[in-house]
Amino acid sequence: MTPRLQFHHGHTNGDKIMSAEERLIELEIRVAEQEKTIDELSSVLTEQWKTVDQLSKKLNALTNRFLELEEQAAPDVPVTKPPHW
């Protein structure tokens, strides 16, 4: 984490003194970096949603296929107790 910027009109022991222009430049750099990060995260999120959508469609197709197969097999399988009952 970057330390907070401090703006002083006078000298203070141990503090970095920044002019208003230096502070503005530093803030502009931070904003630009944050915008880049937001753009990157947005791209990743878009790709993840595409993947989720594709997987959801595949799951629905497999579920439907499973139900079709289950319906086809159901009449042929008698429901009986196992021999040891």
PDB file of N, CA and C in Angstrom:
ATOM      1  N   MET A   1       0.842  -1.172   0.000  1.00  0.00           N
ATOM      2  CA  MET A   1       0.000   0.000   0.000  1.00  0.00           C
ATOM      3  C   MET A   1       0.887   1.234   0.000  1.00  0.00           C
ATOM      4  N   THR A   2       0.573   2.169  -0.854  1.00  0.00           N
ATOM      5  CA  THR A   2       1.343   3.397  -0.951  1.00  0.00           C
ATOM      6  C   THR A   2       0.965   4.313   0.201  1.00  0.00           C
ATOM      7  N   PRO A   3       1.966   4.946   0.835  1.00  0.00           N
ATOM      8  CA  PRO A   3       1.631   5.852   1.932  1.00  0.00           C
ATOM      9  C   PRO A   3       0.797   7.026   1.436  1.00  0.00           C
ATOM     10  N   ARG A   4      -0.009   7.560   2.328  1.00  0.00           N
ATOM     11  CA  ARG A   4      -0.834   8.707   1.962  1.00  0.00           C
ATOM     12  C   ARG A   4       0.052   9.895   1.606  1.00  0.00           C
ATOM     13  N   LEU A   5      -0.414  10.636   0.625  1.00  0.00           N
ATOM     14  CA  LEU A   5       0.303  11.838   0.230  1.00  0.00           C
ATOM     15  C   LEU A   5       0.023  12.933   1.245  1.00  0.00           C
ATOM     16  N   GLN A   6       1.051  13.690   1.531  1.00  0.00           N
ATOM     17  CA  GLN A   6       0.871  14.782   2.475  1.00  0.00           C
ATOM     18  C   GLN A   6       1.237  16.086   1.797  1.00  0.00           C
ATOM     19  N   PHE A   7       0.490  17.099   2.091  1.00  0.00           N
ATOM     20  CA  PHE A   7       0.719  18.407   1.510  1.00  0.00           C
ATOM     21  C   PHE A   7       0.925  19.391   2.652  1.00  0.00           C
ATOM     22  N   HIS A   8       2.094  19.974   2.678  1.00  0.00           N
ATOM     23  CA  HIS A   8       2.424  20.944   3.724  1.00  0.00           C
ATOM     24  C   HIS A   8       2.974  22.206   3.084  1.00  0.00           C
ATOM     25  N   HIS A   9       2.710  23.312   3.726  1.00  0.00           N
ATOM     26  CA  HIS A   9       3.284  24.571   3.256  1.00  0.00           C
ATOM     27  C   HIS A   9       4.648  24.799   3.884  1.00  0.00           C
ATOM     28  N   GLY A  10       4.939  24.119   4.942  1.00  0.00           N
ATOM     29  CA  GLY A  10       6.227  24.293   5.605  1.00  0.00           C
ATOM     30  C   GLY A  10       6.931  22.960   5.714  1.00  0.00           C
ATOM     31  N   HIS A  11       8.085  22.957   6.305  1.00  0.00           N
ATOM     32  CA  HIS A  11       8.850  21.719   6.472  1.00  0.00           C
ATOM     33  C   HIS A  11       8.453  21.050   7.775  1.00  0.00           C
ATOM     34  N   THR A  12       8.270  19.726   7.708  1.00  0.00           N
ATOM     35  CA  THR A  12       7.970  18.937   8.892  1.00  0.00           C
ATOM     36  C   THR A  12       8.970  17.794   8.924  1.00  0.00           C
ATOM     37  N   ASN A  13       9.544  17.545  10.056  1.00  0.00           N
ATOM     38  CA  ASN A  13      10.555  16.497  10.174  1.00  0.00           C
ATOM     39  C   ASN A  13       9.980  15.138   9.782  1.00  0.00           C
ATOM     40  N   GLY A  14      10.655  14.443   8.889  1.00  0.00           N
ATOM     41  CA  GLY A  14      10.284  13.093   8.491  1.00  0.00           C
ATOM     42  C   GLY A  14       9.208  13.020   7.432  1.00  0.00           C
ATOM     43  N   ASP A  15       8.493  14.067   7.159  1.00  0.00           N
ATOM     44  CA  ASP A  15       7.445  14.054   6.141  1.00  0.00           C
ATOM     45  C   ASP A  15       8.020  14.452   4.797  1.00  0.00           C
ATOM     46  N   LYS A  16       7.486  13.819   3.759  1.00  0.00           N
ATOM     47  CA  LYS A  16       7.878  14.215   2.412  1.00  0.00           C
ATOM     48  C   LYS A  16       7.014  15.411   2.037  1.00  0.00           C
ATOM     49  N   ILE A  17       7.643  16.467   1.660  1.00  0.00           N
ATOM     50  CA  ILE A  17       6.932  17.676   1.277  1.00  0.00           C
ATOM     51  C   ILE A  17       6.695  17.617  -0.227  1.00  0.00           C
ATOM     52  N   MET A  18       5.426  17.750  -0.625  1.00  0.00           N
ATOM     53  CA  MET A  18       5.089  17.709  -2.044  1.00  0.00           C
ATOM     54  C   MET A  18       4.398  19.011  -2.418  1.00  0.00           C
ATOM     55  N   SER A  19       4.750  19.497  -3.566  1.00  0.00           N
ATOM     56  CA  SER A  19       4.059  20.683  -4.063  1.00  0.00           C
ATOM     57  C   SER A  19       2.684  20.259  -4.568  1.00  0.00           C
ATOM     58  N   ALA A  20       1.821  21.224  -4.783  1.00  0.00           N
ATOM     59  CA  ALA A  20       0.485  20.930  -5.289  1.00  0.00           C
ATOM     60  C   ALA A  20       0.582  20.258  -6.653  1.00  0.00           C
ATOM     61  N   GLU A  21       1.520  20.679  -7.469  1.00  0.00           N
ATOM     62  CA  GLU A  21       1.685  20.082  -8.801  1.00  0.00           C
ATOM     63  C   GLU A  21       2.139  18.630  -8.696  1.00  0.00           C
ATOM     64  N   GLU A  22       3.096  18.356  -7.804  1.00  0.00           N
ATOM     65  CA  GLU A  22       3.567  16.979  -7.614  1.00  0.00           C
ATOM     66  C   GLU A  22       2.430  16.089  -7.102  1.00  0.00           C
ATOM     67  N   ARG A  23       1.655  16.623  -6.195  1.00  0.00           N
ATOM     68  CA  ARG A  23       0.531  15.862  -5.643  1.00  0.00           C
ATOM     69  C   ARG A  23      -0.499  15.567  -6.729  1.00  0.00           C
ATOM     70  N   LEU A  24      -0.784  16.545  -7.562  1.00  0.00           N
ATOM     71  CA  LEU A  24      -1.728  16.365  -8.662  1.00  0.00           C
ATOM     72  C   LEU A  24      -1.225  15.304  -9.635  1.00  0.00           C
ATOM     73  N   ILE A  25       0.050  15.355  -9.972  1.00  0.00           N
ATOM     74  CA  ILE A  25       0.635  14.360 -10.884  1.00  0.00           C
ATOM     75  C   ILE A  25       0.518  12.963 -10.277  1.00  0.00           C
ATOM     76  N   GLU A  26       0.843  12.842  -8.994  1.00  0.00           N
ATOM     77  CA  GLU A  26       0.754  11.542  -8.314  1.00  0.00           C
ATOM     78  C   GLU A  26      -0.685  11.018  -8.331  1.00  0.00           C
ATOM     79  N   LEU A  27      -1.635  11.884  -8.078  1.00  0.00           N
ATOM     80  CA  LEU A  27      -3.045  11.473  -8.097  1.00  0.00           C
ATOM     81  C   LEU A  27      -3.489  11.073  -9.499  1.00  0.00           C
ATOM     82  N   GLU A  28      -3.031  11.792 -10.515  1.00  0.00           N
ATOM     83  CA  GLU A  28      -3.372  11.442 -11.898  1.00  0.00           C
ATOM     84  C   GLU A  28      -2.798  10.083 -12.274  1.00  0.00           C
ATOM     85  N   ILE A  29      -1.590   9.796 -11.803  1.00  0.00           N
ATOM     86  CA  ILE A  29      -0.971   8.487 -12.061  1.00  0.00           C
ATOM     87  C   ILE A  29      -1.808   7.388 -11.408  1.00  0.00           C
ATOM     88  N   ARG A  30      -2.211   7.611 -10.173  1.00  0.00           N
ATOM     89  CA  ARG A  30      -3.024   6.612  -9.470  1.00  0.00           C
ATOM     90  C   ARG A  30      -4.354   6.378 -10.179  1.00  0.00           C
ATOM     91  N   VAL A  31      -4.993   7.444 -10.626  1.00  0.00           N
ATOM     92  CA  VAL A  31      -6.269   7.307 -11.334  1.00  0.00           C
ATOM     93  C   VAL A  31      -6.075   6.509 -12.617  1.00  0.00           C
ATOM     94  N   ALA A  32      -5.003   6.802 -13.359  1.00  0.00           N
ATOM     95  CA  ALA A  32      -4.733   6.077 -14.606  1.00  0.00           C
ATOM     96  C   ALA A  32      -4.508   4.590 -14.327  1.00  0.00           C
ATOM     97  N   GLU A  33      -3.763   4.280 -13.264  1.00  0.00           N
ATOM     98  CA  GLU A  33      -3.518   2.879 -12.912  1.00  0.00           C
ATOM     99  C   GLU A  33      -4.823   2.186 -12.511  1.00  0.00           C
ATOM    100  N   GLN A  34      -5.668   2.885 -11.776  1.00  0.00           N
ATOM    101  CA  GLN A  34      -6.948   2.304 -11.365  1.00  0.00           C
ATOM    102  C   GLN A  34      -7.864   2.082 -12.561  1.00  0.00           C
ATOM    103  N   GLU A  35      -7.865   3.005 -13.503  1.00  0.00           N
ATOM    104  CA  GLU A  35      -8.675   2.831 -14.716  1.00  0.00           C
ATOM    105  C   GLU A  35      -8.210   1.612 -15.501  1.00  0.00           C
ATOM    106  N   LYS A  36      -6.894   1.425 -15.582  1.00  0.00           N
ATOM    107  CA  LYS A  36      -6.344   0.261 -16.287  1.00  0.00           C
ATOM    108  C   LYS A  36      -6.774  -1.029 -15.580  1.00  0.00           C
ATOM    109  N   THR A  37      -6.683  -1.037 -14.267  1.00  0.00           N
ATOM    110  CA  THR A  37      -7.085  -2.214 -13.497  1.00  0.00           C
ATOM    111  C   THR A  37      -8.571  -2.513 -13.682  1.00  0.00           C
ATOM    112  N   ILE A  38      -9.397  -1.482 -13.655  1.00  0.00           N
ATOM    113  CA  ILE A  38     -10.841  -1.666 -13.854  1.00  0.00           C
ATOM    114  C   ILE A  38     -11.117  -2.241 -15.238  1.00  0.00           C
ATOM    115  N   ASP A  39     -10.437  -1.736 -16.263  1.00  0.00           N
ATOM    116  CA  ASP A  39     -10.617  -2.261 -17.621  1.00  0.00           C
ATOM    117  C   ASP A  39     -10.220  -3.733 -17.702  1.00  0.00           C
ATOM    118  N   GLU A  40      -9.095  -4.088 -17.062  1.00  0.00           N
ATOM    119  CA  GLU A  40      -8.638  -5.478 -17.073  1.00  0.00           C
ATOM    120  C   GLU A  40      -9.643  -6.379 -16.353  1.00  0.00           C
ATOM    121  N   LEU A  41     -10.128  -5.937 -15.203  1.00  0.00           N
ATOM    122  CA  LEU A  41     -11.104  -6.727 -14.451  1.00  0.00           C
ATOM    123  C   LEU A  41     -12.410  -6.872 -15.222  1.00  0.00           C
ATOM    124  N   SER A  42     -12.799  -5.834 -15.911  1.00  0.00           N
ATOM    125  CA  SER A  42     -14.020  -5.885 -16.716  1.00  0.00           C
ATOM    126  C   SER A  42     -13.886  -6.921 -17.828  1.00  0.00           C
ATOM    127  N   SER A  43     -12.723  -6.965 -18.470  1.00  0.00           N
ATOM    128  CA  SER A  43     -12.486  -7.948 -19.531  1.00  0.00           C
ATOM    129  C   SER A  43     -12.539  -9.370 -18.981  1.00  0.00           C
ATOM    130  N   VAL A  44     -11.909  -9.583 -17.841  1.00  0.00           N
ATOM    131  CA  VAL A  44     -11.913 -10.910 -17.222  1.00  0.00           C
ATOM    132  C   VAL A  44     -13.338 -11.308 -16.851  1.00  0.00           C
ATOM    133  N   LEU A  45     -14.086 -10.385 -16.292  1.00  0.00           N
ATOM    134  CA  LEU A  45     -15.463 -10.670 -15.903  1.00  0.00           C
ATOM    135  C   LEU A  45     -16.326 -11.015 -17.112  1.00  0.00           C
ATOM    136  N   THR A  46     -16.133 -10.304 -18.211  1.00  0.00           N
ATOM    137  CA  THR A  46     -16.877 -10.590 -19.441  1.00  0.00           C
ATOM    138  C   THR A  46     -16.585 -12.004 -19.925  1.00  0.00           C
ATOM    139  N   GLU A  47     -15.327 -12.398 -19.931  1.00  0.00           N
ATOM    140  CA  GLU A  47     -14.947 -13.751 -20.355  1.00  0.00           C
ATOM    141  C   GLU A  47     -15.535 -14.804 -19.419  1.00  0.00           C
ATOM    142  N   GLN A  48     -15.527 -14.523 -18.126  1.00  0.00           N
ATOM    143  CA  GLN A  48     -16.091 -15.480 -17.175  1.00  0.00           C
ATOM    144  C   GLN A  48     -17.591 -15.651 -17.387  1.00  0.00           C
ATOM    145  N   TRP A  49     -18.298 -14.571 -17.682  1.00  0.00           N
ATOM    146  CA  TRP A  49     -19.734 -14.680 -17.934  1.00  0.00           C
ATOM    147  C   TRP A  49     -20.006 -15.482 -19.197  1.00  0.00           C
ATOM    148  N   LYS A  50     -19.156 -15.323 -20.215  1.00  0.00           N
ATOM    149  CA  LYS A  50     -19.313 -16.125 -21.433  1.00  0.00           C
ATOM    150  C   LYS A  50     -19.155 -17.606 -21.100  1.00  0.00           C
ATOM    151  N   THR A  51     -18.157 -17.918 -20.285  1.00  0.00           N
ATOM    152  CA  THR A  51     -17.916 -19.305 -19.889  1.00  0.00           C
ATOM    153  C   THR A  51     -19.091 -19.844 -19.074  1.00  0.00           C
ATOM    154  N   VAL A  52     -19.585 -19.068 -18.133  1.00  0.00           N
ATOM    155  CA  VAL A  52     -20.731 -19.487 -17.321  1.00  0.00           C
ATOM    156  C   VAL A  52     -21.938 -19.750 -18.216  1.00  0.00           C
ATOM    157  N   ASP A  53     -22.167 -18.882 -19.185  1.00  0.00           N
ATOM    158  CA  ASP A  53     -23.299 -19.052 -20.099  1.00  0.00           C
ATOM    159  C   ASP A  53     -23.155 -20.337 -20.915  1.00  0.00           C
ATOM    160  N   GLN A  54     -21.952 -20.598 -21.431  1.00  0.00           N
ATOM    161  CA  GLN A  54     -21.713 -21.820 -22.206  1.00  0.00           C
ATOM    162  C   GLN A  54     -21.927 -23.061 -21.339  1.00  0.00           C
ATOM    163  N   LEU A  55     -21.395 -23.034 -20.122  1.00  0.00           N
ATOM    164  CA  LEU A  55     -21.549 -24.182 -19.228  1.00  0.00           C
ATOM    165  C   LEU A  55     -23.008 -24.391 -18.835  1.00  0.00           C
ATOM    166  N   SER A  56     -23.730 -23.318 -18.647  1.00  0.00           N
ATOM    167  CA  SER A  56     -25.153 -23.421 -18.317  1.00  0.00           C
ATOM    168  C   SER A  56     -25.929 -24.077 -19.455  1.00  0.00           C
ATOM    169  N   LYS A  57     -25.626 -23.687 -20.688  1.00  0.00           N
ATOM    170  CA  LYS A  57     -26.293 -24.291 -21.849  1.00  0.00           C
ATOM    171  C   LYS A  57     -25.955 -25.774 -21.961  1.00  0.00           C
ATOM    172  N   LYS A  58     -24.689 -26.120 -21.725  1.00  0.00           N
ATOM    173  CA  LYS A  58     -24.286 -27.525 -21.786  1.00  0.00           C
ATOM    174  C   LYS A  58     -24.971 -28.330 -20.686  1.00  0.00           C
ATOM    175  N   LEU A  59     -25.061 -27.760 -19.490  1.00  0.00           N
ATOM    176  CA  LEU A  59     -25.726 -28.451 -18.386  1.00  0.00           C
ATOM    177  C   LEU A  59     -27.198 -28.692 -18.707  1.00  0.00           C
ATOM    178  N   ASN A  60     -27.859 -27.695 -19.263  1.00  0.00           N
ATOM    179  CA  ASN A  60     -29.269 -27.866 -19.641  1.00  0.00           C
ATOM    180  C   ASN A  60     -29.428 -28.956 -20.697  1.00  0.00           C
ATOM    181  N   ALA A  61     -28.541 -28.973 -21.690  1.00  0.00           N
ATOM    182  CA  ALA A  61     -28.608 -29.993 -22.738  1.00  0.00           C
ATOM    183  C   ALA A  61     -28.382 -31.385 -22.148  1.00  0.00           C
ATOM    184  N   LEU A  62     -27.401 -31.516 -21.269  1.00  0.00           N
ATOM    185  CA  LEU A  62     -27.128 -32.814 -20.644  1.00  0.00           C
ATOM    186  C   LEU A  62     -28.283 -33.244 -19.735  1.00  0.00           C
ATOM    187  N   THR A  63     -28.860 -32.303 -19.020  1.00  0.00           N
ATOM    188  CA  THR A  63     -30.007 -32.619 -18.163  1.00  0.00           C
ATOM    189  C   THR A  63     -31.172 -33.127 -18.995  1.00  0.00           C
ATOM    190  N   ASN A  64     -31.460 -32.437 -20.089  1.00  0.00           N
ATOM    191  CA  ASN A  64     -32.548 -32.872 -20.975  1.00  0.00           C
ATOM    192  C   ASN A  64     -32.265 -34.253 -21.552  1.00  0.00           C
ATOM    193  N   ARG A  65     -31.038 -34.486 -21.970  1.00  0.00           N
ATOM    194  CA  ARG A  65     -30.670 -35.792 -22.534  1.00  0.00           C
ATOM    195  C   ARG A  65     -30.802 -36.884 -21.476  1.00  0.00           C
ATOM    196  N   PHE A  66     -30.358 -36.592 -20.273  1.00  0.00           N
ATOM    197  CA  PHE A  66     -30.469 -37.560 -19.181  1.00  0.00           C
ATOM    198  C   PHE A  66     -31.934 -37.907 -18.913  1.00  0.00           C
ATOM    199  N   LEU A  67     -32.794 -36.885 -18.883  1.00  0.00           N
ATOM    200  CA  LEU A  67     -34.218 -37.129 -18.641  1.00  0.00           C
ATOM    201  C   LEU A  67     -34.839 -37.958 -19.761  1.00  0.00           C
ATOM    202  N   GLU A  68     -34.433 -37.710 -21.006  1.00  0.00           N
ATOM    203  CA  GLU A  68     -34.924 -38.503 -22.135  1.00  0.00           C
ATOM    204  C   GLU A  68     -34.516 -39.963 -21.985  1.00  0.00           C
ATOM    205  N   LEU A  69     -33.257 -40.186 -21.649  1.00  0.00           N
ATOM    206  CA  LEU A  69     -32.771 -41.554 -21.473  1.00  0.00           C
ATOM    207  C   LEU A  69     -33.459 -42.233 -20.294  1.00  0.00           C
ATOM    208  N   GLU A  70     -33.682 -41.486 -19.240  1.00  0.00           N
ATOM    209  CA  GLU A  70     -34.356 -42.039 -18.068  1.00  0.00           C
ATOM    210  C   GLU A  70     -35.790 -42.454 -18.408  1.00  0.00           C
ATOM    211  N   GLU A  71     -36.483 -41.636 -19.200  1.00  0.00           N
ATOM    212  CA  GLU A  71     -37.853 -41.961 -19.607  1.00  0.00           C
ATOM    213  C   GLU A  71     -37.880 -43.204 -20.494  1.00  0.00           C
ATOM    214  N   GLN A  72     -36.889 -43.342 -21.370  1.00  0.00           N
ATOM    215  CA  GLN A  72     -36.832 -44.503 -22.262  1.00  0.00           C
ATOM    216  C   GLN A  72     -36.555 -45.780 -21.481  1.00  0.00           C
ATOM    217  N   ALA A  73     -35.747 -45.702 -20.454  1.00  0.00           N
ATOM    218  CA  ALA A  73     -35.358 -46.890 -19.696  1.00  0.00           C
ATOM    219  C   ALA A  73     -36.389 -47.264 -18.635  1.00  0.00           C
ATOM    220  N   ALA A  74     -37.180 -46.362 -18.187  1.00  0.00           N
ATOM    221  CA  ALA A  74     -38.099 -46.602 -17.069  1.00  0.00           C
ATOM    222  C   ALA A  74     -39.077 -47.751 -17.297  1.00  0.00           C
ATOM    223  N   PRO A  75     -39.775 -47.865 -18.433  1.00  0.00           N
ATOM    224  CA  PRO A  75     -40.753 -48.953 -18.576  1.00  0.00           C
ATOM    225  C   PRO A  75     -40.113 -50.339 -18.600  1.00  0.00           C
ATOM    226  N   ASP A  76     -38.893 -50.457 -19.012  1.00  0.00           N
ATOM    227  CA  ASP A  76     -38.237 -51.754 -19.138  1.00  0.00           C
ATOM    228  C   ASP A  76     -37.703 -52.276 -17.808  1.00  0.00           C
ATOM    229  N   VAL A  77     -37.594 -51.425 -16.821  1.00  0.00           N
ATOM    230  CA  VAL A  77     -36.996 -51.840 -15.552  1.00  0.00           C
ATOM    231  C   VAL A  77     -38.104 -52.059 -14.528  1.00  0.00           C
ATOM    232  N   PRO A  78     -38.367 -53.329 -14.172  1.00  0.00           N
ATOM    233  CA  PRO A  78     -39.407 -53.581 -13.168  1.00  0.00           C
ATOM    234  C   PRO A  78     -38.907 -53.198 -11.774  1.00  0.00           C
ATOM    235  N   VAL A  79     -39.812 -52.728 -10.969  1.00  0.00           N
ATOM    236  CA  VAL A  79     -39.464 -52.379  -9.594  1.00  0.00           C
ATOM    237  C   VAL A  79     -39.766 -53.600  -8.738  1.00  0.00           C
ATOM    238  N   THR A  80     -38.729 -54.285  -8.302  1.00  0.00           N
ATOM    239  CA  THR A  80     -38.889 -55.481  -7.470  1.00  0.00           C
ATOM    240  C   THR A  80     -37.936 -55.397  -6.298  1.00  0.00           C
ATOM    241  N   LYS A  81     -38.260 -56.182  -5.276  1.00  0.00           N
ATOM    242  CA  LYS A  81     -37.371 -56.238  -4.121  1.00  0.00           C
ATOM    243  C   LYS A  81     -36.194 -57.139  -4.465  1.00  0.00           C
ATOM    244  N   PRO A  82     -35.038 -56.844  -3.926  1.00  0.00           N
ATOM    245  CA  PRO A  82     -33.893 -57.738  -4.138  1.00  0.00           C
ATOM    246  C   PRO A  82     -34.175 -59.101  -3.507  1.00  0.00           C
ATOM    247  N   PRO A  83     -33.499 -60.147  -4.002  1.00  0.00           N
ATOM    248  CA  PRO A  83     -33.776 -61.509  -3.519  1.00  0.00           C
ATOM    249  C   PRO A  83     -33.575 -61.684  -2.019  1.00  0.00           C
ATOM    250  N   HIS A  84     -32.714 -60.948  -1.405  1.00  0.00           N
ATOM    251  CA  HIS A  84     -32.450 -61.142   0.026  1.00  0.00           C
ATOM    252  C   HIS A  84     -33.514 -60.517   0.911  1.00  0.00           C
ATOM    253  N   TRP A  85     -34.539 -59.876   0.373  1.00  0.00           N
ATOM    254  CA  TRP A  85     -35.618 -59.280   1.180  1.00  0.00           C
ATOM    255  C   TRP A  85     -36.600 -60.330   1.505  1.00  0.00           C
TER     256      TRP A  85
END
